[in-house]
N, C-alpha and C. Protein backbone atom coordinates (compact mmCIF):
# COMPACT_ATOMS: atom_id res chain seq x y z
N GLN A 1 -187.33 9.50 -31.63
CA GLN A 1 -187.63 10.66 -30.81
C GLN A 1 -186.33 11.28 -30.30
N VAL A 2 -186.16 12.56 -30.60
CA VAL A 2 -184.94 13.25 -30.18
C VAL A 2 -185.09 13.72 -28.73
N GLN A 3 -184.10 13.41 -27.93
CA GLN A 3 -184.10 13.85 -26.54
C GLN A 3 -182.77 14.49 -26.19
N LEU A 4 -182.85 15.59 -25.47
CA LEU A 4 -181.66 16.31 -25.04
C LEU A 4 -181.73 16.51 -23.53
N MET A 5 -180.61 16.29 -22.87
CA MET A 5 -180.59 16.45 -21.43
C MET A 5 -179.34 17.22 -21.03
N GLU A 6 -179.57 18.37 -20.40
CA GLU A 6 -178.46 19.21 -19.95
C GLU A 6 -178.07 18.88 -18.52
N SER A 7 -176.82 19.15 -18.21
CA SER A 7 -176.32 19.04 -16.84
C SER A 7 -175.14 19.98 -16.70
N GLY A 8 -174.74 20.20 -15.46
CA GLY A 8 -173.56 21.01 -15.21
C GLY A 8 -173.82 22.40 -14.68
N GLY A 9 -175.08 22.81 -14.65
CA GLY A 9 -175.38 24.13 -14.11
C GLY A 9 -175.06 24.19 -12.62
N ASP A 10 -174.68 25.39 -12.19
CA ASP A 10 -174.28 25.53 -10.78
C ASP A 10 -174.24 27.01 -10.43
N SER A 11 -173.93 27.29 -9.17
CA SER A 11 -173.73 28.67 -8.73
C SER A 11 -172.23 28.91 -8.61
N VAL A 12 -171.76 29.99 -9.22
CA VAL A 12 -170.34 30.31 -9.20
C VAL A 12 -170.15 31.79 -8.93
N GLN A 13 -168.95 32.14 -8.54
CA GLN A 13 -168.61 33.54 -8.36
C GLN A 13 -168.25 34.16 -9.71
N ALA A 14 -168.43 35.46 -9.82
CA ALA A 14 -168.02 36.15 -11.03
C ALA A 14 -166.54 35.84 -11.32
N GLY A 15 -166.25 35.61 -12.59
CA GLY A 15 -164.90 35.24 -12.98
C GLY A 15 -164.66 33.74 -12.97
N GLY A 16 -165.62 33.01 -12.46
CA GLY A 16 -165.48 31.55 -12.38
C GLY A 16 -165.79 30.87 -13.70
N SER A 17 -165.68 29.55 -13.68
CA SER A 17 -165.88 28.74 -14.89
C SER A 17 -166.84 27.59 -14.62
N LEU A 18 -167.50 27.18 -15.68
CA LEU A 18 -168.38 26.01 -15.64
C LEU A 18 -168.34 25.33 -16.98
N THR A 19 -168.60 24.02 -16.98
CA THR A 19 -168.79 23.30 -18.22
C THR A 19 -170.17 22.67 -18.21
N LEU A 20 -170.97 23.02 -19.19
CA LEU A 20 -172.29 22.42 -19.35
C LEU A 20 -172.19 21.26 -20.33
N THR A 21 -172.99 20.23 -20.06
CA THR A 21 -172.99 19.04 -20.90
C THR A 21 -174.40 18.77 -21.38
N CYS A 22 -174.51 18.39 -22.64
CA CYS A 22 -175.81 18.04 -23.22
C CYS A 22 -175.69 16.66 -23.86
N SER A 23 -176.46 15.72 -23.34
CA SER A 23 -176.49 14.38 -23.89
C SER A 23 -177.67 14.28 -24.84
N ILE A 24 -177.40 13.83 -26.08
CA ILE A 24 -178.43 13.80 -27.11
C ILE A 24 -178.67 12.37 -27.57
N SER A 25 -179.93 12.00 -27.70
CA SER A 25 -180.26 10.68 -28.22
C SER A 25 -181.32 10.82 -29.32
N GLY A 26 -181.30 9.88 -30.25
CA GLY A 26 -182.30 9.86 -31.31
C GLY A 26 -182.14 10.92 -32.38
N TYR A 27 -181.00 11.60 -32.41
CA TYR A 27 -180.79 12.69 -33.38
C TYR A 27 -180.00 12.14 -34.56
N THR A 28 -180.75 11.80 -35.62
CA THR A 28 -180.12 11.10 -36.73
C THR A 28 -180.02 11.94 -37.99
N GLN A 29 -180.33 13.22 -37.91
CA GLN A 29 -180.26 14.09 -39.08
C GLN A 29 -178.86 14.08 -39.70
N LEU A 30 -178.82 14.10 -41.04
CA LEU A 30 -177.54 14.13 -41.73
C LEU A 30 -176.85 15.47 -41.53
N ARG A 31 -177.63 16.55 -41.58
CA ARG A 31 -177.05 17.88 -41.39
C ARG A 31 -177.36 18.31 -39.95
N LYS A 32 -176.43 18.03 -39.09
CA LYS A 32 -176.67 18.30 -37.67
C LYS A 32 -176.30 19.74 -37.32
N CYS A 33 -177.13 20.29 -36.46
CA CYS A 33 -176.87 21.62 -35.93
C CYS A 33 -177.36 21.62 -34.49
N VAL A 34 -176.45 21.78 -33.56
CA VAL A 34 -176.82 21.80 -32.15
C VAL A 34 -176.22 23.05 -31.50
N GLY A 35 -176.84 23.46 -30.43
CA GLY A 35 -176.34 24.68 -29.81
C GLY A 35 -176.84 24.89 -28.40
N TRP A 36 -176.31 25.95 -27.81
CA TRP A 36 -176.70 26.37 -26.47
C TRP A 36 -177.38 27.73 -26.55
N PHE A 37 -178.46 27.83 -25.79
CA PHE A 37 -179.23 29.06 -25.72
C PHE A 37 -179.46 29.38 -24.26
N ARG A 38 -179.82 30.62 -23.97
CA ARG A 38 -180.05 30.96 -22.57
C ARG A 38 -181.22 31.93 -22.42
N GLN A 39 -181.87 31.79 -21.30
CA GLN A 39 -182.99 32.66 -20.95
C GLN A 39 -182.58 33.46 -19.71
N ILE A 40 -182.19 34.69 -19.94
CA ILE A 40 -181.84 35.58 -18.84
C ILE A 40 -183.14 36.19 -18.30
N PRO A 41 -183.32 36.25 -16.98
CA PRO A 41 -184.56 36.80 -16.43
C PRO A 41 -184.90 38.18 -17.00
N GLY A 42 -186.11 38.32 -17.51
CA GLY A 42 -186.55 39.60 -18.05
C GLY A 42 -186.15 39.85 -19.49
N LYS A 43 -185.44 38.89 -20.08
CA LYS A 43 -184.99 39.07 -21.47
C LYS A 43 -185.49 37.92 -22.34
N GLU A 44 -185.39 38.12 -23.64
CA GLU A 44 -185.79 37.07 -24.57
C GLU A 44 -184.71 36.00 -24.64
N LEU A 45 -185.15 34.83 -25.06
CA LEU A 45 -184.21 33.72 -25.27
C LEU A 45 -183.16 34.15 -26.28
N GLU A 46 -181.90 33.86 -25.99
CA GLU A 46 -180.83 34.25 -26.93
C GLU A 46 -179.88 33.09 -27.19
N GLY A 47 -179.37 33.09 -28.41
CA GLY A 47 -178.41 32.07 -28.78
C GLY A 47 -177.05 32.38 -28.20
N VAL A 48 -176.36 31.35 -27.77
CA VAL A 48 -175.03 31.51 -27.17
C VAL A 48 -173.96 30.96 -28.09
N ALA A 49 -174.14 29.72 -28.55
CA ALA A 49 -173.15 29.09 -29.42
C ALA A 49 -173.78 27.91 -30.14
N THR A 50 -173.30 27.65 -31.36
CA THR A 50 -173.75 26.50 -32.13
C THR A 50 -172.56 25.80 -32.76
N ILE A 51 -172.79 24.53 -33.12
CA ILE A 51 -171.76 23.75 -33.78
C ILE A 51 -172.44 22.79 -34.74
N ASP A 52 -171.82 22.57 -35.91
CA ASP A 52 -172.44 21.68 -36.90
C ASP A 52 -171.57 20.44 -37.14
N ASN A 53 -171.97 19.66 -38.15
CA ASN A 53 -171.27 18.41 -38.46
C ASN A 53 -169.79 18.63 -38.77
N ALA A 54 -169.53 19.74 -39.44
CA ALA A 54 -168.15 20.03 -39.83
C ALA A 54 -167.37 20.71 -38.71
N LEU A 55 -167.98 20.77 -37.54
CA LEU A 55 -167.39 21.39 -36.36
C LEU A 55 -167.19 22.89 -36.54
N GLN A 56 -167.98 23.47 -37.45
CA GLN A 56 -167.97 24.93 -37.57
C GLN A 56 -168.76 25.50 -36.41
N LYS A 57 -168.23 26.53 -35.80
CA LYS A 57 -168.82 27.09 -34.60
C LYS A 57 -169.25 28.54 -34.83
N ASN A 58 -170.28 28.90 -34.11
CA ASN A 58 -170.77 30.27 -34.17
C ASN A 58 -171.08 30.71 -32.75
N TYR A 59 -170.63 31.92 -32.41
CA TYR A 59 -170.79 32.40 -31.04
C TYR A 59 -171.48 33.76 -31.01
N ARG A 60 -172.17 33.99 -29.94
CA ARG A 60 -172.67 35.31 -29.65
C ARG A 60 -171.46 36.19 -29.38
N ASP A 61 -171.51 37.44 -29.86
CA ASP A 61 -170.35 38.33 -29.72
C ASP A 61 -169.89 38.46 -28.27
N SER A 62 -170.81 38.55 -27.36
CA SER A 62 -170.45 38.83 -25.96
C SER A 62 -169.73 37.68 -25.28
N VAL A 63 -169.75 36.48 -25.87
CA VAL A 63 -169.10 35.34 -25.23
C VAL A 63 -167.83 34.91 -25.96
N LYS A 64 -167.56 35.52 -27.10
CA LYS A 64 -166.38 35.13 -27.87
C LYS A 64 -165.12 35.31 -27.03
N GLY A 65 -164.27 34.31 -27.07
CA GLY A 65 -163.03 34.37 -26.31
C GLY A 65 -163.17 33.83 -24.89
N ARG A 66 -164.40 33.65 -24.43
CA ARG A 66 -164.63 33.13 -23.08
C ARG A 66 -165.35 31.79 -23.08
N PHE A 67 -166.25 31.58 -24.03
CA PHE A 67 -167.00 30.33 -24.10
C PHE A 67 -166.48 29.49 -25.27
N THR A 68 -166.52 28.17 -25.08
CA THR A 68 -166.12 27.26 -26.14
C THR A 68 -167.14 26.13 -26.25
N ILE A 69 -167.68 25.94 -27.44
CA ILE A 69 -168.59 24.83 -27.69
C ILE A 69 -167.81 23.71 -28.36
N SER A 70 -168.12 22.48 -27.97
CA SER A 70 -167.47 21.33 -28.58
C SER A 70 -168.44 20.17 -28.57
N LYS A 71 -168.12 19.14 -29.34
CA LYS A 71 -168.99 17.97 -29.37
C LYS A 71 -168.17 16.70 -29.48
N ASP A 72 -168.76 15.63 -28.98
CA ASP A 72 -168.09 14.35 -28.98
C ASP A 72 -169.18 13.30 -29.11
N ASP A 73 -169.30 12.69 -30.33
CA ASP A 73 -170.38 11.74 -30.59
C ASP A 73 -171.73 12.37 -30.27
N ALA A 74 -172.40 11.89 -29.26
CA ALA A 74 -173.76 12.36 -28.95
C ALA A 74 -173.78 13.30 -27.76
N THR A 75 -172.68 13.97 -27.52
CA THR A 75 -172.60 14.90 -26.39
C THR A 75 -172.07 16.25 -26.88
N VAL A 76 -172.70 17.30 -26.39
CA VAL A 76 -172.25 18.65 -26.72
C VAL A 76 -171.90 19.36 -25.42
N TYR A 77 -170.80 20.10 -25.45
CA TYR A 77 -170.31 20.77 -24.26
C TYR A 77 -170.27 22.28 -24.47
N LEU A 78 -170.39 22.99 -23.38
CA LEU A 78 -170.16 24.43 -23.41
C LEU A 78 -169.27 24.78 -22.24
N ARG A 79 -168.04 25.11 -22.54
CA ARG A 79 -167.11 25.54 -21.52
C ARG A 79 -167.22 27.06 -21.39
N MET A 80 -167.50 27.51 -20.18
CA MET A 80 -167.71 28.94 -19.94
C MET A 80 -166.68 29.43 -18.94
N ASN A 81 -165.86 30.37 -19.38
CA ASN A 81 -164.84 30.97 -18.52
C ASN A 81 -165.17 32.42 -18.24
N ASN A 82 -164.62 32.94 -17.16
CA ASN A 82 -164.80 34.35 -16.80
C ASN A 82 -166.28 34.75 -16.83
N LEU A 83 -167.09 33.98 -16.15
CA LEU A 83 -168.53 34.23 -16.13
C LEU A 83 -168.86 35.56 -15.44
N LYS A 84 -169.92 36.19 -15.93
CA LYS A 84 -170.34 37.49 -15.41
C LYS A 84 -171.72 37.36 -14.76
N PRO A 85 -172.00 38.18 -13.75
CA PRO A 85 -173.31 38.09 -13.10
C PRO A 85 -174.49 38.23 -14.07
N GLU A 86 -174.33 39.04 -15.10
CA GLU A 86 -175.42 39.23 -16.06
C GLU A 86 -175.65 38.02 -16.95
N GLU A 87 -174.81 37.00 -16.79
CA GLU A 87 -175.00 35.76 -17.54
C GLU A 87 -175.74 34.71 -16.73
N THR A 88 -176.24 35.11 -15.58
CA THR A 88 -177.13 34.24 -14.82
C THR A 88 -178.36 33.96 -15.67
N ALA A 89 -178.63 32.67 -15.89
CA ALA A 89 -179.71 32.30 -16.80
C ALA A 89 -179.99 30.82 -16.73
N LEU A 90 -181.08 30.44 -17.35
CA LEU A 90 -181.37 29.03 -17.60
C LEU A 90 -180.80 28.72 -18.97
N TYR A 91 -179.87 27.80 -19.01
CA TYR A 91 -179.19 27.46 -20.25
C TYR A 91 -179.81 26.20 -20.86
N TYR A 92 -180.15 26.30 -22.13
CA TYR A 92 -180.77 25.19 -22.84
C TYR A 92 -179.87 24.66 -23.95
N CYS A 93 -179.96 23.37 -24.16
CA CYS A 93 -179.35 22.73 -25.30
C CYS A 93 -180.46 22.50 -26.33
N ALA A 94 -180.14 22.68 -27.61
CA ALA A 94 -181.16 22.54 -28.64
C ALA A 94 -180.56 21.99 -29.92
N ALA A 95 -181.42 21.42 -30.76
CA ALA A 95 -180.97 20.85 -32.03
C ALA A 95 -181.99 21.16 -33.12
N ALA A 96 -181.51 21.26 -34.35
CA ALA A 96 -182.39 21.58 -35.48
C ALA A 96 -182.68 20.34 -36.31
N LYS A 97 -183.90 20.30 -36.86
CA LYS A 97 -184.26 19.19 -37.75
C LYS A 97 -183.41 19.26 -39.02
N TRP A 98 -183.33 20.43 -39.57
CA TRP A 98 -182.60 20.61 -40.82
C TRP A 98 -182.33 22.09 -41.00
N THR A 99 -181.14 22.41 -41.46
CA THR A 99 -180.85 23.80 -41.75
C THR A 99 -179.70 23.88 -42.74
N LEU A 100 -179.74 24.87 -43.60
CA LEU A 100 -178.65 25.10 -44.54
C LEU A 100 -177.45 25.71 -43.83
N LYS A 101 -177.74 26.56 -42.89
CA LYS A 101 -176.67 27.27 -42.19
C LYS A 101 -176.90 27.16 -40.69
N CYS A 102 -175.91 26.73 -39.97
CA CYS A 102 -176.01 26.53 -38.53
C CYS A 102 -175.38 27.71 -37.81
N ASN A 103 -176.22 28.49 -37.11
CA ASN A 103 -175.67 29.57 -36.29
C ASN A 103 -176.67 29.88 -35.18
N ILE A 104 -176.37 30.89 -34.37
CA ILE A 104 -177.20 31.14 -33.20
C ILE A 104 -178.58 31.68 -33.56
N ASN A 105 -178.79 31.99 -34.85
CA ASN A 105 -180.11 32.45 -35.31
C ASN A 105 -180.93 31.34 -35.93
N THR A 106 -180.37 30.13 -35.99
CA THR A 106 -181.07 28.99 -36.57
C THR A 106 -182.26 28.61 -35.72
N THR A 107 -183.37 28.33 -36.36
CA THR A 107 -184.55 27.84 -35.64
C THR A 107 -184.31 26.41 -35.18
N MET A 108 -184.41 26.20 -33.90
CA MET A 108 -184.19 24.87 -33.32
C MET A 108 -185.52 24.18 -33.08
N ASP A 109 -185.52 22.87 -33.26
CA ASP A 109 -186.76 22.12 -33.17
C ASP A 109 -186.86 21.25 -31.92
N PHE A 110 -185.72 20.91 -31.37
CA PHE A 110 -185.69 20.02 -30.21
C PHE A 110 -184.96 20.72 -29.08
N TRP A 111 -185.54 20.63 -27.88
CA TRP A 111 -185.00 21.36 -26.73
C TRP A 111 -184.91 20.49 -25.50
N GLY A 112 -183.91 20.77 -24.69
CA GLY A 112 -183.81 20.13 -23.40
C GLY A 112 -184.60 20.93 -22.37
N GLN A 113 -184.52 20.50 -21.12
CA GLN A 113 -185.28 21.14 -20.05
C GLN A 113 -184.55 22.33 -19.45
N GLY A 114 -183.26 22.42 -19.71
CA GLY A 114 -182.48 23.56 -19.21
C GLY A 114 -181.73 23.23 -17.94
N THR A 115 -180.65 23.96 -17.73
CA THR A 115 -179.87 23.84 -16.51
C THR A 115 -179.52 25.25 -16.03
N GLN A 116 -179.67 25.48 -14.74
CA GLN A 116 -179.53 26.82 -14.19
C GLN A 116 -178.08 27.17 -13.89
N VAL A 117 -177.68 28.33 -14.38
CA VAL A 117 -176.36 28.88 -14.07
C VAL A 117 -176.58 30.19 -13.33
N THR A 118 -176.00 30.28 -12.14
CA THR A 118 -176.13 31.50 -11.35
C THR A 118 -174.74 32.04 -11.05
N VAL A 119 -174.51 33.28 -11.44
CA VAL A 119 -173.21 33.91 -11.24
C VAL A 119 -173.38 35.06 -10.26
N SER A 120 -172.67 35.00 -9.16
CA SER A 120 -172.82 36.03 -8.13
C SER A 120 -171.56 36.86 -8.01
N GLY A 121 -171.73 38.01 -7.39
CA GLY A 121 -170.58 38.89 -7.17
C GLY A 121 -170.53 40.04 -8.11
């Protein structure tokens, strides 16, 4: 059973930074694809960043240069710099059962409960 647990969400001022952490267990797929997604109030769920086995990364255009996704064994991180108020959202960690191509448009099969990020100012 695949389980994902996010942590690190907090309230910060605009321009601030946060690092989100996702602990993953039971994910034994050979072709791994994990990522971060967010639910902004009033908007559809959107992909933020993904990373695969080969450490290839894919980012949403609006976060390029400010967010960094990384992984270490069974943990995935999202470092977010220069946060903007419009990025206030519930951030989810997710993983795919199988995919040929890992990017923010990949259908994810396993999801965490989410961690809240609130950016004020």
